[in-house]
Amino acid sequence: MEEESREQALGKGYKYLAMGLRFAGGIVVFFFAGFLLDRWLGTTPLFLLIGTLAGAGLGFLSVYRELMADEKAHKADKAVRRPGGRR
């Protein structure tokens, strides 16, 4: 039983690591898209800043939604384990 909970904890760690990388990756991708758009249009930091902020906002929204879904699933799992919601 202890081995199973250890594997679950490790799986959650990877899940949260993936969320962090997705958040950072979104920022980096939008940063470079803004950078390239600025170079093409000659509008130095305008699209770089917009892209960075958009990447951060969208990355945050993605992580937030996944965390809220995870919390909802965790609460539902607890309710199934404990009939009546109490122990």
N, C-alpha and C. Protein backbone atom coordinates (compact mmCIF):
# COMPACT_ATOMS: atom_id res chain seq x y z
N MET A 1 0.83 -1.20 0.00
CA MET A 1 0.00 0.00 0.00
C MET A 1 0.87 1.25 0.00
N GLU A 2 1.95 1.23 0.76
CA GLU A 2 2.84 2.38 0.82
C GLU A 2 3.48 2.64 -0.53
N GLU A 3 3.81 1.57 -1.24
CA GLU A 3 4.43 1.70 -2.56
C GLU A 3 3.48 2.37 -3.55
N GLU A 4 2.18 2.05 -3.43
CA GLU A 4 1.19 2.64 -4.33
C GLU A 4 1.05 4.14 -4.10
N SER A 5 1.00 4.57 -2.85
CA SER A 5 0.86 6.00 -2.57
C SER A 5 2.12 6.76 -2.99
N ARG A 6 3.26 6.11 -2.88
CA ARG A 6 4.51 6.74 -3.32
C ARG A 6 4.51 6.95 -4.83
N GLU A 7 3.99 5.97 -5.57
CA GLU A 7 3.90 6.10 -7.02
C GLU A 7 2.89 7.18 -7.40
N GLN A 8 1.81 7.29 -6.67
CA GLN A 8 0.82 8.33 -6.94
C GLN A 8 1.42 9.71 -6.70
N ALA A 9 2.18 9.84 -5.62
CA ALA A 9 2.81 11.13 -5.32
C ALA A 9 3.82 11.49 -6.41
N LEU A 10 4.56 10.51 -6.89
CA LEU A 10 5.52 10.75 -7.96
C LEU A 10 4.80 11.17 -9.24
N GLY A 11 3.68 10.54 -9.53
CA GLY A 11 2.89 10.90 -10.71
C GLY A 11 2.36 12.32 -10.61
N LYS A 12 1.92 12.72 -9.42
CA LYS A 12 1.45 14.09 -9.23
C LYS A 12 2.59 15.08 -9.40
N GLY A 13 3.76 14.70 -8.94
CA GLY A 13 4.92 15.57 -9.11
C GLY A 13 5.21 15.83 -10.58
N TYR A 14 5.14 14.78 -11.38
CA TYR A 14 5.36 14.95 -12.82
C TYR A 14 4.25 15.79 -13.45
N LYS A 15 3.04 15.62 -12.96
CA LYS A 15 1.91 16.39 -13.48
C LYS A 15 2.14 17.89 -13.22
N TYR A 16 2.58 18.23 -12.02
CA TYR A 16 2.82 19.63 -11.68
C TYR A 16 4.05 20.18 -12.40
N LEU A 17 5.04 19.33 -12.61
CA LEU A 17 6.20 19.73 -13.39
C LEU A 17 5.78 20.07 -14.82
N ALA A 18 4.92 19.24 -15.40
CA ALA A 18 4.44 19.47 -16.75
C ALA A 18 3.64 20.77 -16.82
N MET A 19 2.85 21.06 -15.78
CA MET A 19 2.10 22.32 -15.76
C MET A 19 3.05 23.52 -15.75
N GLY A 20 4.08 23.45 -14.95
CA GLY A 20 5.05 24.54 -14.89
C GLY A 20 5.78 24.73 -16.20
N LEU A 21 6.14 23.63 -16.84
CA LEU A 21 6.82 23.72 -18.13
C LEU A 21 5.90 24.27 -19.20
N ARG A 22 4.62 23.89 -19.14
CA ARG A 22 3.65 24.42 -20.10
C ARG A 22 3.47 25.93 -19.90
N PHE A 23 3.42 26.35 -18.65
CA PHE A 23 3.31 27.79 -18.35
C PHE A 23 4.52 28.54 -18.89
N ALA A 24 5.71 28.06 -18.58
CA ALA A 24 6.94 28.72 -19.05
C ALA A 24 7.06 28.65 -20.56
N GLY A 25 6.69 27.52 -21.14
CA GLY A 25 6.76 27.36 -22.59
C GLY A 25 5.85 28.32 -23.32
N GLY A 26 4.67 28.55 -22.78
CA GLY A 26 3.74 29.50 -23.38
C GLY A 26 4.32 30.90 -23.39
N ILE A 27 4.96 31.26 -22.30
CA ILE A 27 5.58 32.59 -22.23
C ILE A 27 6.69 32.71 -23.26
N VAL A 28 7.53 31.69 -23.34
CA VAL A 28 8.67 31.74 -24.27
C VAL A 28 8.20 31.78 -25.72
N VAL A 29 7.21 30.96 -26.06
CA VAL A 29 6.71 30.93 -27.44
C VAL A 29 6.11 32.27 -27.83
N PHE A 30 5.27 32.84 -26.97
CA PHE A 30 4.67 34.13 -27.29
C PHE A 30 5.70 35.26 -27.27
N PHE A 31 6.70 35.15 -26.42
CA PHE A 31 7.79 36.13 -26.39
C PHE A 31 8.49 36.17 -27.75
N PHE A 32 8.88 34.98 -28.24
CA PHE A 32 9.59 34.94 -29.51
C PHE A 32 8.70 35.32 -30.69
N ALA A 33 7.42 34.98 -30.61
CA ALA A 33 6.49 35.40 -31.67
C ALA A 33 6.40 36.93 -31.70
N GLY A 34 6.30 37.54 -30.53
CA GLY A 34 6.26 39.00 -30.45
C GLY A 34 7.56 39.62 -30.93
N PHE A 35 8.67 39.00 -30.56
CA PHE A 35 9.99 39.48 -30.99
C PHE A 35 10.11 39.46 -32.51
N LEU A 36 9.71 38.35 -33.12
CA LEU A 36 9.79 38.23 -34.58
C LEU A 36 8.83 39.20 -35.27
N LEU A 37 7.66 39.37 -34.71
CA LEU A 37 6.70 40.32 -35.27
C LEU A 37 7.24 41.75 -35.18
N ASP A 38 7.88 42.08 -34.07
CA ASP A 38 8.49 43.40 -33.91
C ASP A 38 9.60 43.63 -34.94
N ARG A 39 10.42 42.63 -35.16
CA ARG A 39 11.50 42.77 -36.15
C ARG A 39 10.94 42.96 -37.54
N TRP A 40 9.88 42.22 -37.84
CA TRP A 40 9.28 42.29 -39.18
C TRP A 40 8.60 43.64 -39.42
N LEU A 41 7.90 44.15 -38.39
CA LEU A 41 7.15 45.39 -38.54
C LEU A 41 7.94 46.63 -38.10
N GLY A 42 9.06 46.42 -37.41
CA GLY A 42 9.87 47.53 -36.94
C GLY A 42 9.24 48.28 -35.77
N THR A 43 8.52 47.57 -34.95
CA THR A 43 7.83 48.19 -33.80
C THR A 43 8.44 47.68 -32.49
N THR A 44 9.69 47.96 -32.30
CA THR A 44 10.43 47.38 -31.16
C THR A 44 9.69 47.47 -29.86
N PRO A 45 9.64 47.17 -28.89
CA PRO A 45 9.15 46.27 -27.86
C PRO A 45 7.63 46.06 -27.80
N LEU A 46 6.87 46.67 -28.71
CA LEU A 46 5.40 46.62 -28.59
C LEU A 46 4.87 45.19 -28.59
N PHE A 47 5.11 44.44 -29.67
CA PHE A 47 4.57 43.09 -29.76
C PHE A 47 5.31 42.11 -28.85
N LEU A 48 6.55 42.41 -28.55
CA LEU A 48 7.29 41.58 -27.60
C LEU A 48 6.61 41.63 -26.24
N LEU A 49 6.25 42.82 -25.79
CA LEU A 49 5.56 42.96 -24.50
C LEU A 49 4.16 42.35 -24.54
N ILE A 50 3.44 42.62 -25.63
CA ILE A 50 2.09 42.06 -25.76
C ILE A 50 2.16 40.54 -25.79
N GLY A 51 3.11 40.00 -26.54
CA GLY A 51 3.26 38.54 -26.63
C GLY A 51 3.62 37.92 -25.30
N THR A 52 4.52 38.55 -24.57
CA THR A 52 4.93 38.03 -23.27
C THR A 52 3.76 38.03 -22.29
N LEU A 53 3.03 39.14 -22.26
CA LEU A 53 1.87 39.22 -21.36
C LEU A 53 0.77 38.24 -21.78
N ALA A 54 0.56 38.10 -23.08
CA ALA A 54 -0.45 37.14 -23.55
C ALA A 54 -0.04 35.72 -23.20
N GLY A 55 1.22 35.39 -23.38
CA GLY A 55 1.71 34.05 -23.03
C GLY A 55 1.57 33.77 -21.55
N ALA A 56 1.87 34.75 -20.72
CA ALA A 56 1.74 34.58 -19.27
C ALA A 56 0.28 34.43 -18.89
N GLY A 57 -0.58 35.25 -19.47
CA GLY A 57 -2.01 35.17 -19.15
C GLY A 57 -2.62 33.85 -19.58
N LEU A 58 -2.34 33.44 -20.81
CA LEU A 58 -2.89 32.19 -21.30
C LEU A 58 -2.30 30.98 -20.57
N GLY A 59 -1.00 31.04 -20.25
CA GLY A 59 -0.38 29.95 -19.49
C GLY A 59 -0.99 29.84 -18.10
N PHE A 60 -1.21 30.98 -17.46
CA PHE A 60 -1.83 30.98 -16.14
C PHE A 60 -3.23 30.40 -16.22
N LEU A 61 -4.00 30.81 -17.21
CA LEU A 61 -5.37 30.31 -17.37
C LEU A 61 -5.38 28.80 -17.57
N SER A 62 -4.46 28.30 -18.36
CA SER A 62 -4.37 26.86 -18.59
C SER A 62 -4.06 26.10 -17.30
N VAL A 63 -3.08 26.59 -16.56
CA VAL A 63 -2.71 25.94 -15.30
C VAL A 63 -3.85 26.05 -14.29
N TYR A 64 -4.48 27.20 -14.21
CA TYR A 64 -5.59 27.40 -13.28
C TYR A 64 -6.74 26.43 -13.56
N ARG A 65 -7.11 26.31 -14.83
CA ARG A 65 -8.19 25.39 -15.19
C ARG A 65 -7.85 23.96 -14.83
N GLU A 66 -6.62 23.55 -15.08
CA GLU A 66 -6.24 22.18 -14.75
C GLU A 66 -6.23 21.95 -13.24
N LEU A 67 -5.76 22.92 -12.49
CA LEU A 67 -5.77 22.79 -11.03
C LEU A 67 -7.18 22.73 -10.47
N MET A 68 -8.08 23.52 -11.03
CA MET A 68 -9.48 23.50 -10.57
C MET A 68 -10.14 22.16 -10.91
N ALA A 69 -9.85 21.61 -12.08
CA ALA A 69 -10.37 20.30 -12.45
C ALA A 69 -9.79 19.22 -11.55
N ASP A 70 -8.52 19.34 -11.21
CA ASP A 70 -7.87 18.38 -10.32
C ASP A 70 -8.50 18.44 -8.93
N GLU A 71 -8.77 19.64 -8.45
CA GLU A 71 -9.39 19.79 -7.13
C GLU A 71 -10.80 19.21 -7.13
N LYS A 72 -11.55 19.45 -8.19
CA LYS A 72 -12.91 18.93 -8.30
C LYS A 72 -12.89 17.40 -8.31
N ALA A 73 -11.96 16.82 -9.05
CA ALA A 73 -11.84 15.36 -9.10
C ALA A 73 -11.44 14.81 -7.74
N HIS A 74 -10.57 15.52 -7.03
CA HIS A 74 -10.14 15.08 -5.71
C HIS A 74 -11.31 15.09 -4.73
N LYS A 75 -12.13 16.14 -4.78
CA LYS A 75 -13.30 16.22 -3.91
C LYS A 75 -14.31 15.12 -4.24
N ALA A 76 -14.50 14.84 -5.52
CA ALA A 76 -15.42 13.78 -5.93
C ALA A 76 -14.90 12.42 -5.47
N ASP A 77 -13.59 12.23 -5.55
CA ASP A 77 -12.98 10.98 -5.11
C ASP A 77 -13.17 10.79 -3.61
N LYS A 78 -13.01 11.86 -2.85
CA LYS A 78 -13.22 11.79 -1.40
C LYS A 78 -14.66 11.45 -1.07
N ALA A 79 -15.61 12.03 -1.81
CA ALA A 79 -17.02 11.78 -1.56
C ALA A 79 -17.37 10.33 -1.86
N VAL A 80 -16.73 9.73 -2.85
CA VAL A 80 -16.99 8.33 -3.19
C VAL A 80 -16.41 7.41 -2.12
N ARG A 81 -15.27 7.76 -1.59
CA ARG A 81 -14.62 6.93 -0.56
C ARG A 81 -15.37 6.95 0.75
N ARG A 82 -15.97 8.09 1.08
CA ARG A 82 -16.68 8.24 2.35
C ARG A 82 -18.17 8.45 2.08
N PRO A 83 -18.96 7.40 2.18
CA PRO A 83 -20.39 7.58 1.97
C PRO A 83 -20.97 8.57 2.98
N GLY A 84 -21.79 9.48 2.51
CA GLY A 84 -22.37 10.49 3.39
C GLY A 84 -21.44 11.65 3.65
N GLY A 85 -20.23 11.59 3.12
CA GLY A 85 -19.29 12.69 3.29
C GLY A 85 -18.60 12.72 4.64
N ARG A 86 -18.84 11.74 5.50
CA ARG A 86 -18.19 11.74 6.83
C ARG A 86 -17.55 10.40 7.09
N ARG A 87 -16.68 10.42 8.07
CA ARG A 87 -16.03 9.17 8.46
C ARG A 87 -16.05 9.01 9.94
